[in-house]
Amino acid sequence: MFKEKDSTRKEINDLLETITKNKELVLKDELKHMKRVLRRLDFINQDTILAKGQVACLISTADEIILTEMLYNGSFNDIEPNMLASMLSCFLVSVKQ
């Protein structure tokens, strides 16, 4: 029974290791796709963060990329201050305590 238990434990450990490796592969693939999007939007260049990427890092909302794109496209240039404030309030993230 001890040998059977030991064999089962080794099999479980091997399966857990396989699961971990598969998760890492999925995450690496997802990271690769994210980096491709950031390169296409000129947020990064290879592995260097560009000015546009630094602006996105400083924005603390849920839509950093959208807001940064709007800033760089000049979407806020011709908007009156009160309209700009109400528009930017849409990007605020509510925090429940």
N, C-alpha and C. Protein backbone atom coordinates (compact mmCIF):
# COMPACT_ATOMS: atom_id res chain seq x y z
N MET A 1 0.82 -1.20 0.00
CA MET A 1 0.00 0.00 0.00
C MET A 1 0.87 1.26 0.00
N PHE A 2 2.01 1.17 0.72
CA PHE A 2 2.90 2.32 0.76
C PHE A 2 3.47 2.61 -0.64
N LYS A 3 3.88 1.54 -1.36
CA LYS A 3 4.41 1.73 -2.71
C LYS A 3 3.35 2.30 -3.64
N GLU A 4 2.13 1.83 -3.49
CA GLU A 4 1.04 2.33 -4.32
C GLU A 4 0.77 3.81 -4.01
N LYS A 5 0.78 4.15 -2.72
CA LYS A 5 0.58 5.53 -2.31
C LYS A 5 1.70 6.42 -2.83
N ASP A 6 2.93 5.95 -2.74
CA ASP A 6 4.08 6.70 -3.23
C ASP A 6 4.00 6.89 -4.74
N SER A 7 3.61 5.85 -5.44
CA SER A 7 3.47 5.93 -6.89
C SER A 7 2.39 6.95 -7.28
N THR A 8 1.28 6.91 -6.56
CA THR A 8 0.19 7.86 -6.82
C THR A 8 0.64 9.28 -6.53
N ARG A 9 1.38 9.49 -5.46
CA ARG A 9 1.88 10.82 -5.10
C ARG A 9 2.82 11.35 -6.20
N LYS A 10 3.69 10.49 -6.71
CA LYS A 10 4.60 10.91 -7.80
C LYS A 10 3.81 11.28 -9.04
N GLU A 11 2.77 10.50 -9.33
CA GLU A 11 1.94 10.78 -10.50
C GLU A 11 1.23 12.12 -10.35
N ILE A 12 0.73 12.39 -9.15
CA ILE A 12 0.07 13.67 -8.88
C ILE A 12 1.05 14.82 -9.05
N ASN A 13 2.26 14.67 -8.52
CA ASN A 13 3.26 15.72 -8.65
C ASN A 13 3.63 15.96 -10.11
N ASP A 14 3.73 14.89 -10.89
CA ASP A 14 4.04 15.03 -12.32
C ASP A 14 2.91 15.76 -13.04
N LEU A 15 1.68 15.42 -12.71
CA LEU A 15 0.54 16.10 -13.34
C LEU A 15 0.48 17.57 -12.96
N LEU A 16 0.76 17.88 -11.70
CA LEU A 16 0.78 19.29 -11.27
C LEU A 16 1.88 20.07 -11.98
N GLU A 17 3.01 19.44 -12.18
CA GLU A 17 4.11 20.09 -12.90
C GLU A 17 3.72 20.34 -14.35
N THR A 18 3.04 19.37 -14.97
CA THR A 18 2.58 19.53 -16.34
C THR A 18 1.57 20.67 -16.45
N ILE A 19 0.67 20.75 -15.50
CA ILE A 19 -0.33 21.84 -15.48
C ILE A 19 0.37 23.19 -15.38
N THR A 20 1.36 23.29 -14.51
CA THR A 20 2.10 24.54 -14.32
C THR A 20 2.80 24.95 -15.61
N LYS A 21 3.44 24.00 -16.28
CA LYS A 21 4.13 24.30 -17.54
C LYS A 21 3.15 24.77 -18.60
N ASN A 22 1.99 24.13 -18.68
CA ASN A 22 0.99 24.53 -19.67
C ASN A 22 0.45 25.93 -19.40
N LYS A 23 0.24 26.28 -18.14
CA LYS A 23 -0.20 27.63 -17.79
C LYS A 23 0.84 28.67 -18.19
N GLU A 24 2.11 28.34 -17.97
CA GLU A 24 3.19 29.26 -18.33
C GLU A 24 3.20 29.50 -19.84
N LEU A 25 2.97 28.45 -20.62
CA LEU A 25 2.94 28.59 -22.08
C LEU A 25 1.80 29.50 -22.51
N VAL A 26 0.63 29.35 -21.91
CA VAL A 26 -0.51 30.19 -22.25
C VAL A 26 -0.21 31.64 -21.89
N LEU A 27 0.37 31.88 -20.72
CA LEU A 27 0.68 33.24 -20.30
C LEU A 27 1.73 33.87 -21.20
N LYS A 28 2.73 33.09 -21.62
CA LYS A 28 3.76 33.62 -22.52
C LYS A 28 3.15 34.02 -23.85
N ASP A 29 2.23 33.20 -24.36
CA ASP A 29 1.58 33.51 -25.62
C ASP A 29 0.73 34.77 -25.49
N GLU A 30 0.01 34.90 -24.38
CA GLU A 30 -0.81 36.08 -24.13
C GLU A 30 0.05 37.33 -24.01
N LEU A 31 1.17 37.22 -23.33
CA LEU A 31 2.09 38.35 -23.19
C LEU A 31 2.64 38.77 -24.55
N LYS A 32 2.93 37.80 -25.39
CA LYS A 32 3.44 38.08 -26.74
C LYS A 32 2.42 38.89 -27.54
N HIS A 33 1.14 38.53 -27.42
CA HIS A 33 0.08 39.26 -28.13
C HIS A 33 -0.08 40.67 -27.57
N MET A 34 0.01 40.82 -26.25
CA MET A 34 -0.10 42.15 -25.64
C MET A 34 1.03 43.05 -26.11
N LYS A 35 2.25 42.51 -26.16
CA LYS A 35 3.39 43.31 -26.60
C LYS A 35 3.23 43.71 -28.06
N ARG A 36 2.66 42.85 -28.88
CA ARG A 36 2.44 43.17 -30.29
C ARG A 36 1.49 44.36 -30.42
N VAL A 37 0.42 44.37 -29.63
CA VAL A 37 -0.54 45.48 -29.66
C VAL A 37 0.14 46.77 -29.23
N LEU A 38 0.92 46.71 -28.16
CA LEU A 38 1.61 47.91 -27.67
C LEU A 38 2.62 48.43 -28.68
N ARG A 39 3.30 47.54 -29.41
CA ARG A 39 4.23 47.97 -30.46
C ARG A 39 3.49 48.64 -31.61
N ARG A 40 2.36 48.07 -32.02
CA ARG A 40 1.60 48.63 -33.13
C ARG A 40 1.02 50.01 -32.79
N LEU A 41 0.70 50.24 -31.51
CA LEU A 41 0.18 51.53 -31.09
C LEU A 41 1.29 52.51 -30.70
N ASP A 42 2.54 52.11 -30.89
CA ASP A 42 3.72 52.94 -30.57
C ASP A 42 3.83 53.28 -29.08
N PHE A 43 3.44 52.34 -28.22
CA PHE A 43 3.65 52.50 -26.79
C PHE A 43 5.02 51.97 -26.39
N ILE A 44 5.50 50.97 -27.14
CA ILE A 44 6.83 50.42 -26.90
C ILE A 44 7.53 50.23 -28.24
N ASN A 45 8.85 50.15 -28.16
CA ASN A 45 9.67 49.87 -29.32
C ASN A 45 10.59 48.73 -28.91
N GLN A 46 10.37 47.56 -29.46
CA GLN A 46 11.01 46.32 -28.98
C GLN A 46 10.67 46.17 -27.51
N ASP A 47 11.61 46.36 -26.61
CA ASP A 47 11.32 46.25 -25.18
C ASP A 47 11.54 47.56 -24.44
N THR A 48 11.56 48.68 -25.17
CA THR A 48 11.76 50.00 -24.57
C THR A 48 10.43 50.74 -24.54
N ILE A 49 10.08 51.31 -23.39
CA ILE A 49 8.83 52.07 -23.27
C ILE A 49 9.05 53.46 -23.85
N LEU A 50 8.21 53.84 -24.80
CA LEU A 50 8.30 55.15 -25.43
C LEU A 50 7.51 56.17 -24.62
N ALA A 51 7.56 57.44 -25.03
CA ALA A 51 6.89 58.52 -24.29
C ALA A 51 5.39 58.25 -24.16
N LYS A 52 4.79 57.75 -25.22
CA LYS A 52 3.37 57.45 -25.21
C LYS A 52 3.07 56.36 -24.17
N GLY A 53 3.94 55.40 -24.05
CA GLY A 53 3.78 54.34 -23.06
C GLY A 53 3.95 54.86 -21.65
N GLN A 54 4.85 55.81 -21.47
CA GLN A 54 5.05 56.40 -20.15
C GLN A 54 3.82 57.19 -19.72
N VAL A 55 3.18 57.89 -20.67
CA VAL A 55 1.95 58.61 -20.36
C VAL A 55 0.88 57.63 -19.91
N ALA A 56 0.76 56.51 -20.63
CA ALA A 56 -0.24 55.50 -20.28
C ALA A 56 0.04 54.92 -18.89
N CYS A 57 1.30 54.79 -18.53
CA CYS A 57 1.65 54.26 -17.20
C CYS A 57 1.23 55.21 -16.09
N LEU A 58 1.22 56.50 -16.38
CA LEU A 58 0.88 57.49 -15.37
C LEU A 58 -0.63 57.66 -15.19
N ILE A 59 -1.40 57.18 -16.14
CA ILE A 59 -2.86 57.27 -16.05
C ILE A 59 -3.34 56.09 -15.23
N SER A 60 -4.12 56.36 -14.22
CA SER A 60 -4.59 55.28 -13.34
C SER A 60 -6.09 55.09 -13.44
N THR A 61 -6.53 54.68 -14.61
CA THR A 61 -7.93 54.30 -14.80
C THR A 61 -7.93 52.92 -15.43
N ALA A 62 -9.09 52.44 -15.75
CA ALA A 62 -9.19 51.12 -16.37
C ALA A 62 -8.90 51.17 -17.86
N ASP A 63 -8.88 52.36 -18.45
CA ASP A 63 -8.74 52.50 -19.89
C ASP A 63 -7.52 53.34 -20.27
N GLU A 64 -6.36 52.95 -19.78
CA GLU A 64 -5.15 53.74 -20.02
C GLU A 64 -4.85 53.90 -21.50
N ILE A 65 -4.98 52.84 -22.24
CA ILE A 65 -4.62 52.87 -23.66
C ILE A 65 -5.58 53.77 -24.44
N ILE A 66 -6.87 53.65 -24.16
CA ILE A 66 -7.86 54.48 -24.87
C ILE A 66 -7.64 55.95 -24.56
N LEU A 67 -7.47 56.28 -23.30
CA LEU A 67 -7.28 57.67 -22.90
C LEU A 67 -5.99 58.24 -23.48
N THR A 68 -4.93 57.47 -23.50
CA THR A 68 -3.67 57.94 -24.07
C THR A 68 -3.81 58.16 -25.58
N GLU A 69 -4.49 57.26 -26.26
CA GLU A 69 -4.73 57.44 -27.70
C GLU A 69 -5.52 58.72 -27.96
N MET A 70 -6.52 58.98 -27.11
CA MET A 70 -7.30 60.21 -27.27
C MET A 70 -6.45 61.45 -27.04
N LEU A 71 -5.55 61.38 -26.05
CA LEU A 71 -4.66 62.51 -25.80
C LEU A 71 -3.75 62.78 -27.00
N TYR A 72 -3.15 61.73 -27.54
CA TYR A 72 -2.22 61.88 -28.64
C TYR A 72 -2.90 62.19 -29.97
N ASN A 73 -4.18 61.85 -30.11
CA ASN A 73 -4.92 62.17 -31.34
C ASN A 73 -5.49 63.58 -31.32
N GLY A 74 -5.38 64.27 -30.19
CA GLY A 74 -5.89 65.64 -30.09
C GLY A 74 -7.38 65.70 -29.85
N SER A 75 -7.96 64.65 -29.31
CA SER A 75 -9.40 64.62 -29.08
C SER A 75 -9.86 65.65 -28.07
N PHE A 76 -8.98 66.12 -27.20
CA PHE A 76 -9.37 67.05 -26.14
C PHE A 76 -9.01 68.49 -26.47
N ASN A 77 -8.43 68.75 -27.63
CA ASN A 77 -7.95 70.10 -27.96
C ASN A 77 -9.05 71.15 -28.05
N ASP A 78 -10.18 70.83 -28.65
CA ASP A 78 -11.22 71.82 -28.91
C ASP A 78 -12.41 71.69 -27.98
N ILE A 79 -12.22 71.09 -26.84
CA ILE A 79 -13.33 70.88 -25.91
C ILE A 79 -13.24 71.92 -24.79
N GLU A 80 -14.37 72.48 -24.44
CA GLU A 80 -14.41 73.46 -23.35
C GLU A 80 -14.13 72.76 -22.03
N PRO A 81 -13.57 73.49 -21.05
CA PRO A 81 -13.17 72.88 -19.77
C PRO A 81 -14.27 72.11 -19.06
N ASN A 82 -15.49 72.66 -19.02
CA ASN A 82 -16.56 71.95 -18.32
C ASN A 82 -16.95 70.65 -19.04
N MET A 83 -16.92 70.67 -20.36
CA MET A 83 -17.19 69.45 -21.12
C MET A 83 -16.05 68.44 -20.97
N LEU A 84 -14.82 68.94 -20.92
CA LEU A 84 -13.66 68.07 -20.74
C LEU A 84 -13.72 67.37 -19.39
N ALA A 85 -14.09 68.13 -18.36
CA ALA A 85 -14.19 67.53 -17.02
C ALA A 85 -15.26 66.44 -16.98
N SER A 86 -16.40 66.70 -17.61
CA SER A 86 -17.45 65.68 -17.61
C SER A 86 -17.06 64.48 -18.46
N MET A 87 -16.34 64.72 -19.54
CA MET A 87 -15.90 63.61 -20.39
C MET A 87 -14.86 62.75 -19.66
N LEU A 88 -13.92 63.40 -18.99
CA LEU A 88 -12.89 62.65 -18.26
C LEU A 88 -13.46 61.92 -17.05
N SER A 89 -14.56 62.41 -16.52
CA SER A 89 -15.17 61.73 -15.38
C SER A 89 -15.68 60.33 -15.77
N CYS A 90 -15.91 60.12 -17.04
CA CYS A 90 -16.33 58.80 -17.52
C CYS A 90 -15.22 57.76 -17.33
N PHE A 91 -14.00 58.22 -17.23
CA PHE A 91 -12.85 57.31 -17.10
C PHE A 91 -12.51 56.99 -15.65
N LEU A 92 -13.19 57.62 -14.72
CA LEU A 92 -12.89 57.35 -13.31
C LEU A 92 -13.38 55.96 -12.93
N VAL A 93 -12.59 55.31 -12.10
CA VAL A 93 -12.94 53.98 -11.62
C VAL A 93 -13.48 54.13 -10.21
N SER A 94 -14.69 53.65 -9.99
CA SER A 94 -15.26 53.75 -8.65
C SER A 94 -14.70 52.63 -7.79
N VAL A 95 -14.35 53.00 -6.57
CA VAL A 95 -13.77 52.03 -5.62
C VAL A 95 -14.74 51.85 -4.48
N LYS A 96 -15.16 50.62 -4.27
CA LYS A 96 -16.05 50.33 -3.14
C LYS A 96 -15.22 49.99 -1.93
N GLN A 97 -15.64 50.50 -0.79
CA GLN A 97 -14.89 50.23 0.44
C GLN A 97 -15.64 49.27 1.31
